[in-house]
N, C-alpha and C. Protein backbone atom coordinates (compact mmCIF):
# COMPACT_ATOMS: atom_id res chain seq x y z
N SER A 1 -1.72 -1.71 -16.73
CA SER A 1 -0.86 -0.57 -16.47
C SER A 1 -1.25 0.05 -15.12
N GLU A 2 -0.36 0.84 -14.60
CA GLU A 2 -0.63 1.51 -13.33
C GLU A 2 -1.85 2.41 -13.44
N SER A 3 -1.94 3.19 -14.50
CA SER A 3 -3.11 4.07 -14.64
C SER A 3 -4.37 3.27 -14.89
N GLY A 4 -4.25 2.14 -15.56
CA GLY A 4 -5.41 1.27 -15.78
C GLY A 4 -5.96 0.70 -14.48
N PHE A 5 -5.05 0.25 -13.61
CA PHE A 5 -5.48 -0.23 -12.29
C PHE A 5 -6.21 0.87 -11.52
N THR A 6 -5.63 2.06 -11.53
CA THR A 6 -6.21 3.18 -10.79
C THR A 6 -7.58 3.54 -11.35
N THR A 7 -7.70 3.60 -12.66
CA THR A 7 -8.98 3.90 -13.30
C THR A 7 -10.02 2.86 -12.95
N ASP A 8 -9.63 1.59 -12.92
CA ASP A 8 -10.55 0.51 -12.57
C ASP A 8 -11.06 0.67 -11.14
N VAL A 9 -10.16 1.00 -10.22
CA VAL A 9 -10.56 1.16 -8.82
C VAL A 9 -11.52 2.35 -8.67
N LEU A 10 -11.26 3.43 -9.38
CA LEU A 10 -12.15 4.59 -9.30
C LEU A 10 -13.52 4.27 -9.88
N ALA A 11 -13.57 3.48 -10.94
CA ALA A 11 -14.86 3.06 -11.50
C ALA A 11 -15.60 2.18 -10.49
N LEU A 12 -14.87 1.29 -9.84
CA LEU A 12 -15.49 0.45 -8.81
C LEU A 12 -15.97 1.31 -7.64
N TYR A 13 -15.18 2.28 -7.25
CA TYR A 13 -15.58 3.20 -6.18
C TYR A 13 -16.90 3.89 -6.53
N ASP A 14 -17.00 4.41 -7.75
CA ASP A 14 -18.22 5.08 -8.19
C ASP A 14 -19.42 4.14 -8.12
N TRP A 15 -19.21 2.91 -8.55
CA TRP A 15 -20.28 1.91 -8.55
C TRP A 15 -20.73 1.61 -7.12
N VAL A 16 -19.76 1.40 -6.23
CA VAL A 16 -20.08 1.11 -4.82
C VAL A 16 -20.74 2.32 -4.16
N LYS A 17 -20.21 3.49 -4.40
CA LYS A 17 -20.73 4.71 -3.78
C LYS A 17 -22.20 4.93 -4.17
N ALA A 18 -22.53 4.64 -5.41
CA ALA A 18 -23.90 4.82 -5.89
C ALA A 18 -24.87 3.84 -5.24
N ARG A 19 -24.36 2.76 -4.67
CA ARG A 19 -25.21 1.71 -4.11
C ARG A 19 -25.10 1.54 -2.60
N SER A 20 -24.21 2.30 -1.97
CA SER A 20 -23.91 2.03 -0.56
C SER A 20 -24.61 2.95 0.43
N GLY A 21 -25.36 3.91 -0.06
CA GLY A 21 -26.02 4.83 0.86
C GLY A 21 -24.99 5.62 1.63
N ASN A 22 -25.14 5.63 2.94
CA ASN A 22 -24.20 6.37 3.79
C ASN A 22 -23.11 5.49 4.39
N SER A 23 -22.97 4.28 3.88
CA SER A 23 -21.95 3.37 4.40
C SER A 23 -20.55 3.90 4.10
N SER A 24 -19.63 3.58 4.98
CA SER A 24 -18.23 3.95 4.77
C SER A 24 -17.64 3.12 3.64
N ILE A 25 -16.77 3.74 2.90
CA ILE A 25 -16.05 3.03 1.84
C ILE A 25 -14.56 3.12 2.17
N ILE A 26 -13.95 1.96 2.25
CA ILE A 26 -12.54 1.84 2.61
C ILE A 26 -11.79 1.22 1.45
N PHE A 27 -10.66 1.79 1.10
CA PHE A 27 -9.77 1.15 0.13
C PHE A 27 -8.83 0.24 0.92
N TRP A 28 -8.85 -1.04 0.57
CA TRP A 28 -7.99 -2.02 1.23
C TRP A 28 -7.12 -2.67 0.17
N GLY A 29 -5.82 -2.45 0.27
CA GLY A 29 -4.91 -3.05 -0.69
C GLY A 29 -3.97 -4.01 -0.02
N HIS A 30 -3.65 -5.08 -0.74
CA HIS A 30 -2.69 -6.06 -0.26
C HIS A 30 -1.55 -6.15 -1.27
N SER A 31 -0.32 -6.07 -0.79
CA SER A 31 0.87 -6.22 -1.61
C SER A 31 0.85 -5.24 -2.79
N LEU A 32 0.85 -5.72 -4.02
CA LEU A 32 0.81 -4.82 -5.17
C LEU A 32 -0.40 -3.89 -5.08
N GLY A 33 -1.49 -4.39 -4.56
CA GLY A 33 -2.72 -3.61 -4.43
C GLY A 33 -2.60 -2.42 -3.50
N THR A 34 -1.57 -2.38 -2.65
CA THR A 34 -1.40 -1.22 -1.78
C THR A 34 -1.02 0.02 -2.59
N GLY A 35 -0.26 -0.17 -3.64
CA GLY A 35 0.08 0.93 -4.53
C GLY A 35 -1.14 1.41 -5.30
N VAL A 36 -1.97 0.48 -5.70
CA VAL A 36 -3.21 0.81 -6.40
C VAL A 36 -4.14 1.58 -5.46
N ALA A 37 -4.26 1.13 -4.23
CA ALA A 37 -5.14 1.78 -3.26
C ALA A 37 -4.71 3.21 -2.97
N THR A 38 -3.40 3.42 -2.77
CA THR A 38 -2.95 4.79 -2.48
C THR A 38 -3.07 5.68 -3.71
N ASN A 39 -2.81 5.12 -4.90
CA ASN A 39 -3.00 5.91 -6.13
C ASN A 39 -4.44 6.37 -6.25
N ALA A 40 -5.38 5.44 -6.06
CA ALA A 40 -6.80 5.77 -6.22
C ALA A 40 -7.27 6.76 -5.16
N ALA A 41 -6.82 6.58 -3.92
CA ALA A 41 -7.21 7.50 -2.86
C ALA A 41 -6.69 8.91 -3.15
N ARG A 42 -5.47 8.99 -3.61
CA ARG A 42 -4.89 10.30 -3.94
C ARG A 42 -5.62 10.95 -5.11
N LYS A 43 -5.86 10.18 -6.15
CA LYS A 43 -6.54 10.73 -7.33
C LYS A 43 -7.95 11.19 -6.98
N LEU A 44 -8.65 10.41 -6.19
CA LEU A 44 -10.00 10.77 -5.74
C LEU A 44 -9.96 12.10 -4.99
N GLN A 45 -8.99 12.24 -4.14
CA GLN A 45 -8.86 13.45 -3.32
C GLN A 45 -8.45 14.66 -4.17
N GLU A 46 -7.44 14.48 -5.01
CA GLU A 46 -6.92 15.62 -5.78
C GLU A 46 -7.81 16.03 -6.95
N GLU A 47 -8.39 15.05 -7.63
CA GLU A 47 -9.15 15.38 -8.84
C GLU A 47 -10.64 15.61 -8.59
N ARG A 48 -11.16 15.03 -7.52
CA ARG A 48 -12.58 15.17 -7.26
C ARG A 48 -12.88 15.89 -5.95
N GLY A 49 -11.85 16.10 -5.15
CA GLY A 49 -12.06 16.73 -3.85
C GLY A 49 -12.81 15.83 -2.88
N VAL A 50 -12.72 14.53 -3.09
CA VAL A 50 -13.41 13.55 -2.25
C VAL A 50 -12.38 12.73 -1.51
N GLN A 51 -12.59 12.57 -0.23
CA GLN A 51 -11.67 11.77 0.58
C GLN A 51 -12.33 10.43 0.89
N VAL A 52 -11.65 9.36 0.56
CA VAL A 52 -12.15 8.03 0.91
C VAL A 52 -12.22 7.94 2.44
N ASP A 53 -13.09 7.11 2.97
CA ASP A 53 -13.28 7.07 4.42
C ASP A 53 -12.07 6.54 5.17
N ALA A 54 -11.31 5.66 4.55
CA ALA A 54 -10.08 5.14 5.15
C ALA A 54 -9.32 4.33 4.12
N VAL A 55 -8.03 4.14 4.38
CA VAL A 55 -7.19 3.30 3.54
C VAL A 55 -6.49 2.30 4.47
N VAL A 56 -6.57 1.02 4.10
CA VAL A 56 -5.86 -0.04 4.83
C VAL A 56 -4.86 -0.65 3.86
N LEU A 57 -3.62 -0.71 4.29
CA LEU A 57 -2.54 -1.26 3.47
C LEU A 57 -1.95 -2.48 4.16
N GLU A 58 -2.10 -3.61 3.53
CA GLU A 58 -1.65 -4.88 4.08
C GLU A 58 -0.41 -5.34 3.31
N SER A 59 0.71 -5.49 4.01
CA SER A 59 1.99 -5.87 3.40
C SER A 59 2.39 -4.89 2.31
N PRO A 60 2.50 -3.60 2.66
CA PRO A 60 2.79 -2.59 1.65
C PRO A 60 4.28 -2.39 1.40
N TYR A 61 4.54 -1.51 0.46
CA TYR A 61 5.88 -1.10 0.08
C TYR A 61 5.86 0.40 -0.14
N THR A 62 7.00 1.01 -0.30
CA THR A 62 7.08 2.45 -0.53
C THR A 62 6.88 2.79 -2.00
N SER A 63 7.52 2.05 -2.87
CA SER A 63 7.38 2.21 -4.32
C SER A 63 7.65 0.85 -4.95
N ILE A 64 7.20 0.66 -6.17
CA ILE A 64 7.41 -0.63 -6.82
C ILE A 64 8.90 -0.90 -7.04
N ARG A 65 9.67 0.16 -7.22
CA ARG A 65 11.12 0.01 -7.38
C ARG A 65 11.73 -0.53 -6.08
N ASP A 66 11.33 0.05 -4.94
CA ASP A 66 11.83 -0.45 -3.66
C ASP A 66 11.40 -1.88 -3.42
N ALA A 67 10.17 -2.19 -3.80
CA ALA A 67 9.67 -3.56 -3.61
C ALA A 67 10.51 -4.54 -4.43
N ALA A 68 10.73 -4.22 -5.69
CA ALA A 68 11.50 -5.12 -6.56
C ALA A 68 12.94 -5.27 -6.07
N ALA A 69 13.48 -4.20 -5.52
CA ALA A 69 14.86 -4.26 -5.03
C ALA A 69 14.99 -5.07 -3.75
N ASN A 70 13.87 -5.30 -3.07
CA ASN A 70 13.93 -5.97 -1.77
C ASN A 70 13.28 -7.35 -1.71
N ILE A 71 12.57 -7.75 -2.75
CA ILE A 71 11.96 -9.07 -2.69
C ILE A 71 13.06 -10.13 -2.76
N PRO A 72 12.91 -11.22 -2.02
CA PRO A 72 13.98 -12.22 -1.92
C PRO A 72 14.44 -12.79 -3.26
N ILE A 73 13.53 -12.94 -4.22
CA ILE A 73 13.93 -13.55 -5.49
C ILE A 73 14.98 -12.73 -6.23
N THR A 74 15.03 -11.43 -5.97
CA THR A 74 16.03 -10.59 -6.66
C THR A 74 17.37 -10.58 -5.94
N LYS A 75 17.44 -11.18 -4.77
CA LYS A 75 18.68 -11.13 -3.97
C LYS A 75 19.89 -11.64 -4.75
N ILE A 76 19.74 -12.73 -5.44
CA ILE A 76 20.88 -13.30 -6.17
C ILE A 76 21.27 -12.45 -7.37
N TYR A 77 20.33 -11.68 -7.90
CA TYR A 77 20.61 -10.86 -9.08
C TYR A 77 21.17 -9.48 -8.74
N ARG A 78 20.95 -9.03 -7.52
CA ARG A 78 21.37 -7.68 -7.13
C ARG A 78 22.87 -7.46 -7.28
N GLN A 79 23.66 -8.54 -7.20
CA GLN A 79 25.11 -8.41 -7.26
C GLN A 79 25.63 -8.24 -8.69
N PHE A 80 24.79 -8.54 -9.68
CA PHE A 80 25.25 -8.48 -11.06
C PHE A 80 25.16 -7.07 -11.63
N PRO A 81 26.14 -6.72 -12.45
CA PRO A 81 26.09 -5.40 -13.10
C PRO A 81 24.83 -5.32 -13.97
N GLY A 82 24.24 -4.19 -13.99
CA GLY A 82 23.06 -3.99 -14.82
C GLY A 82 21.75 -4.33 -14.16
N PHE A 83 21.79 -4.83 -12.91
CA PHE A 83 20.53 -5.20 -12.23
C PHE A 83 19.56 -4.02 -12.19
N GLU A 84 20.08 -2.87 -11.79
CA GLU A 84 19.20 -1.70 -11.68
C GLU A 84 18.61 -1.30 -13.02
N SER A 85 19.46 -1.20 -14.03
CA SER A 85 18.94 -0.74 -15.33
C SER A 85 18.08 -1.80 -16.01
N LEU A 86 18.44 -3.05 -15.90
CA LEU A 86 17.66 -4.10 -16.57
C LEU A 86 16.36 -4.42 -15.85
N ILE A 87 16.40 -4.50 -14.53
CA ILE A 87 15.22 -4.91 -13.77
C ILE A 87 14.45 -3.71 -13.22
N LEU A 88 15.11 -2.93 -12.40
CA LEU A 88 14.41 -1.85 -11.70
C LEU A 88 13.98 -0.73 -12.64
N ASP A 89 14.85 -0.32 -13.53
CA ASP A 89 14.50 0.77 -14.44
C ASP A 89 13.49 0.34 -15.50
N SER A 90 13.42 -0.95 -15.78
CA SER A 90 12.47 -1.41 -16.80
C SER A 90 11.03 -1.14 -16.38
N MET A 91 10.76 -1.20 -15.10
CA MET A 91 9.41 -0.90 -14.62
C MET A 91 9.08 0.58 -14.82
N ALA A 92 10.05 1.43 -14.56
CA ALA A 92 9.84 2.87 -14.77
C ALA A 92 9.62 3.16 -16.25
N ARG A 93 10.38 2.49 -17.11
CA ARG A 93 10.20 2.69 -18.55
C ARG A 93 8.81 2.24 -18.99
N ALA A 94 8.24 1.30 -18.27
CA ALA A 94 6.89 0.81 -18.59
C ALA A 94 5.81 1.63 -17.88
N GLY A 95 6.23 2.68 -17.18
CA GLY A 95 5.26 3.55 -16.51
C GLY A 95 4.73 2.97 -15.21
N MET A 96 5.49 2.07 -14.60
CA MET A 96 5.07 1.44 -13.34
C MET A 96 5.90 2.01 -12.20
N PHE A 97 5.25 2.83 -11.36
CA PHE A 97 5.95 3.47 -10.25
C PHE A 97 5.32 3.11 -8.90
N PHE A 98 4.01 3.14 -8.83
CA PHE A 98 3.28 2.86 -7.59
C PHE A 98 3.97 3.52 -6.39
N ARG A 99 4.01 4.84 -6.38
CA ARG A 99 4.71 5.62 -5.36
C ARG A 99 3.81 5.84 -4.14
N SER A 100 3.58 4.80 -3.39
CA SER A 100 2.79 4.94 -2.16
C SER A 100 3.42 5.94 -1.21
N ASP A 101 4.75 6.00 -1.20
CA ASP A 101 5.42 6.95 -0.31
C ASP A 101 5.06 8.39 -0.66
N GLU A 102 4.90 8.69 -1.93
CA GLU A 102 4.48 10.03 -2.34
C GLU A 102 2.98 10.23 -2.12
N ASN A 103 2.21 9.19 -2.37
CA ASN A 103 0.75 9.29 -2.23
C ASN A 103 0.33 9.56 -0.79
N VAL A 104 0.94 8.87 0.17
CA VAL A 104 0.51 9.05 1.56
C VAL A 104 0.83 10.44 2.10
N LYS A 105 1.74 11.13 1.46
CA LYS A 105 2.09 12.48 1.91
C LYS A 105 0.95 13.47 1.73
N VAL A 106 0.03 13.18 0.81
CA VAL A 106 -1.06 14.12 0.54
C VAL A 106 -2.42 13.63 1.04
N LEU A 107 -2.48 12.41 1.53
CA LEU A 107 -3.75 11.89 2.03
C LEU A 107 -4.09 12.50 3.38
N GLY A 108 -5.36 12.55 3.68
CA GLY A 108 -5.80 13.05 4.98
C GLY A 108 -6.74 12.09 5.68
N CYS A 109 -7.14 11.03 4.99
CA CYS A 109 -8.06 10.05 5.57
C CYS A 109 -7.31 9.14 6.55
N PRO A 110 -8.04 8.45 7.42
CA PRO A 110 -7.38 7.48 8.29
C PRO A 110 -6.61 6.45 7.46
N LEU A 111 -5.41 6.13 7.92
CA LEU A 111 -4.52 5.21 7.23
C LEU A 111 -4.03 4.15 8.20
N LEU A 112 -4.29 2.90 7.88
CA LEU A 112 -3.84 1.78 8.70
C LEU A 112 -2.90 0.92 7.87
N ILE A 113 -1.70 0.71 8.40
CA ILE A 113 -0.70 -0.12 7.73
C ILE A 113 -0.49 -1.38 8.56
N LEU A 114 -0.63 -2.53 7.90
CA LEU A 114 -0.49 -3.83 8.55
C LEU A 114 0.68 -4.58 7.91
N HIS A 115 1.55 -5.14 8.74
CA HIS A 115 2.66 -5.91 8.20
C HIS A 115 3.05 -7.01 9.17
N ALA A 116 3.29 -8.19 8.65
CA ALA A 116 3.75 -9.31 9.46
C ALA A 116 5.28 -9.28 9.53
N GLU A 117 5.82 -9.52 10.70
CA GLU A 117 7.27 -9.52 10.87
C GLU A 117 7.96 -10.63 10.07
N ASP A 118 7.21 -11.68 9.74
CA ASP A 118 7.79 -12.79 8.98
C ASP A 118 7.39 -12.75 7.51
N ASP A 119 7.08 -11.58 7.00
CA ASP A 119 6.73 -11.44 5.58
C ASP A 119 7.97 -11.77 4.76
N GLY A 120 7.92 -12.83 4.00
CA GLY A 120 9.05 -13.27 3.20
C GLY A 120 9.05 -12.71 1.79
N VAL A 121 8.06 -11.90 1.44
CA VAL A 121 7.98 -11.31 0.11
C VAL A 121 8.37 -9.83 0.15
N LEU A 122 7.70 -9.08 0.99
CA LEU A 122 8.00 -7.65 1.15
C LEU A 122 8.43 -7.42 2.59
N PRO A 123 9.67 -7.05 2.80
CA PRO A 123 10.17 -6.90 4.17
C PRO A 123 9.40 -5.85 4.95
N PRO A 124 9.17 -6.12 6.23
CA PRO A 124 8.45 -5.17 7.09
C PRO A 124 9.09 -3.78 7.13
N LYS A 125 10.39 -3.69 6.82
CA LYS A 125 11.03 -2.38 6.83
C LYS A 125 10.39 -1.44 5.81
N LEU A 126 9.83 -1.98 4.73
CA LEU A 126 9.16 -1.14 3.75
C LEU A 126 7.84 -0.60 4.30
N GLY A 127 7.12 -1.43 5.04
CA GLY A 127 5.89 -0.98 5.68
C GLY A 127 6.18 0.08 6.74
N ARG A 128 7.22 -0.15 7.51
CA ARG A 128 7.60 0.82 8.55
C ARG A 128 8.03 2.15 7.92
N LYS A 129 8.79 2.09 6.84
CA LYS A 129 9.23 3.31 6.17
C LYS A 129 8.02 4.08 5.61
N LEU A 130 7.06 3.36 5.07
CA LEU A 130 5.85 3.99 4.56
C LEU A 130 5.08 4.66 5.70
N TYR A 131 4.98 3.96 6.82
CA TYR A 131 4.33 4.54 8.00
C TYR A 131 5.03 5.82 8.45
N GLU A 132 6.34 5.77 8.53
CA GLU A 132 7.10 6.94 8.98
C GLU A 132 6.89 8.13 8.04
N THR A 133 6.85 7.86 6.74
CA THR A 133 6.61 8.92 5.76
C THR A 133 5.22 9.53 5.97
N ALA A 134 4.22 8.67 6.13
CA ALA A 134 2.85 9.15 6.33
C ALA A 134 2.72 9.91 7.65
N HIS A 135 3.27 9.34 8.70
CA HIS A 135 3.16 9.95 10.03
C HIS A 135 3.78 11.34 10.04
N LYS A 136 4.90 11.47 9.36
CA LYS A 136 5.57 12.77 9.29
C LYS A 136 4.72 13.79 8.51
N ALA A 137 4.03 13.33 7.46
CA ALA A 137 3.28 14.23 6.58
C ALA A 137 1.89 14.58 7.10
N TYR A 138 1.26 13.68 7.81
CA TYR A 138 -0.11 13.90 8.28
C TYR A 138 -0.16 15.00 9.33
N ARG A 139 -1.12 15.88 9.19
CA ARG A 139 -1.33 16.91 10.22
C ARG A 139 -1.85 16.26 11.49
N ASP A 140 -2.85 15.39 11.32
CA ASP A 140 -3.44 14.69 12.46
C ASP A 140 -2.77 13.32 12.58
N LYS A 141 -1.75 13.26 13.41
CA LYS A 141 -0.94 12.03 13.55
C LYS A 141 -1.76 10.85 14.04
N SER A 142 -2.87 11.10 14.72
CA SER A 142 -3.68 10.01 15.25
C SER A 142 -4.40 9.24 14.14
N LYS A 143 -4.40 9.76 12.93
CA LYS A 143 -5.06 9.09 11.81
C LYS A 143 -4.17 8.05 11.13
N VAL A 144 -2.92 7.97 11.55
CA VAL A 144 -1.98 7.04 10.93
C VAL A 144 -1.58 5.98 11.95
N LYS A 145 -1.82 4.73 11.62
CA LYS A 145 -1.49 3.62 12.54
C LYS A 145 -0.66 2.57 11.80
N PHE A 146 0.24 1.95 12.54
CA PHE A 146 1.06 0.86 12.01
C PHE A 146 0.96 -0.31 12.97
N ILE A 147 0.51 -1.43 12.48
CA ILE A 147 0.39 -2.62 13.31
C ILE A 147 1.23 -3.73 12.71
N THR A 148 2.11 -4.28 13.53
CA THR A 148 2.90 -5.43 13.08
C THR A 148 2.39 -6.67 13.79
N PHE A 149 2.56 -7.78 13.11
CA PHE A 149 2.16 -9.06 13.65
C PHE A 149 3.41 -9.89 13.88
N PRO A 150 3.59 -10.40 15.11
CA PRO A 150 4.83 -11.11 15.44
C PRO A 150 5.03 -12.37 14.58
N GLU A 151 6.29 -12.67 14.40
CA GLU A 151 6.69 -13.82 13.59
C GLU A 151 6.04 -15.12 14.08
N LYS A 152 5.88 -15.24 15.40
CA LYS A 152 5.34 -16.49 15.97
C LYS A 152 3.94 -16.81 15.47
N LEU A 153 3.21 -15.82 14.94
CA LEU A 153 1.86 -16.06 14.41
C LEU A 153 1.92 -16.75 13.05
N GLY A 154 3.05 -16.65 12.36
CA GLY A 154 3.21 -17.31 11.07
C GLY A 154 2.30 -16.76 9.97
N LEU A 155 2.04 -15.46 9.99
CA LEU A 155 1.11 -14.88 9.01
C LEU A 155 1.78 -14.56 7.68
N GLY A 156 3.09 -14.38 7.70
CA GLY A 156 3.83 -14.15 6.47
C GLY A 156 3.26 -13.03 5.62
N HIS A 157 3.34 -13.22 4.33
CA HIS A 157 2.90 -12.20 3.39
C HIS A 157 1.40 -12.27 3.10
N ASP A 158 0.84 -13.45 3.19
CA ASP A 158 -0.53 -13.65 2.69
C ASP A 158 -1.61 -13.92 3.72
N TYR A 159 -1.27 -14.02 5.00
CA TYR A 159 -2.28 -14.52 5.93
C TYR A 159 -2.66 -13.58 7.06
N ILE A 160 -2.37 -12.30 6.93
CA ILE A 160 -2.80 -11.35 7.95
C ILE A 160 -4.32 -11.41 8.11
N SER A 161 -5.01 -11.59 7.01
CA SER A 161 -6.48 -11.61 7.05
C SER A 161 -7.02 -12.80 7.85
N PHE A 162 -6.18 -13.80 8.13
CA PHE A 162 -6.61 -14.95 8.92
C PHE A 162 -6.55 -14.68 10.42
N ASN A 163 -5.90 -13.59 10.82
CA ASN A 163 -5.77 -13.29 12.24
C ASN A 163 -7.14 -12.97 12.82
N PRO A 164 -7.59 -13.72 13.84
CA PRO A 164 -8.92 -13.50 14.39
C PRO A 164 -9.09 -12.12 15.06
N GLU A 165 -8.00 -11.46 15.39
CA GLU A 165 -8.08 -10.13 16.02
C GLU A 165 -8.20 -9.01 14.99
N LEU A 166 -8.06 -9.34 13.71
CA LEU A 166 -8.03 -8.30 12.68
C LEU A 166 -9.28 -7.42 12.64
N PRO A 167 -10.49 -7.96 12.70
CA PRO A 167 -11.67 -7.06 12.67
C PRO A 167 -11.66 -6.02 13.79
N ALA A 168 -11.27 -6.41 14.97
CA ALA A 168 -11.21 -5.46 16.08
C ALA A 168 -10.10 -4.43 15.86
N LEU A 169 -8.98 -4.85 15.32
CA LEU A 169 -7.87 -3.93 15.06
C LEU A 169 -8.24 -2.89 14.00
N VAL A 170 -8.96 -3.33 12.98
CA VAL A 170 -9.37 -2.42 11.92
C VAL A 170 -10.42 -1.44 12.42
N LYS A 171 -11.33 -1.95 13.22
CA LYS A 171 -12.40 -1.10 13.75
C LYS A 171 -11.83 0.01 14.62
């Protein structure tokens, strides 16, 4: 469940924090994990008054509903009556929202959004929309960054981490 994922990440955070000394702790989410990362960062901030050192979102989306409505596999089904209620609303009925767009509005930690222009699973427009939402909400605009990777690199949905420039970009 969404709350189960978030609870798991917070337990992992506590475990890492207890063992990391003064090292920075960054939440890094990929795809579905971007919703988990923003949920955990928000909960940590709101319920404990603790801000994670940074959040990195790789191939993110605004909400799970937006993601499901935009993934290519649903394209053929979108034209059929009942698509929204049968597919999109079923996730809400199951308590699955992953509202990264709402979560980033309250975060204050550095936020880095990474998206490949040739992402065939989650369109880059969702990453850009998430960036725009965060950028508008953040007081310190310099803490919000959006980096796209050109199609010619062939990184798609799963291979941003293979880019040799990534460590320098994150740093």
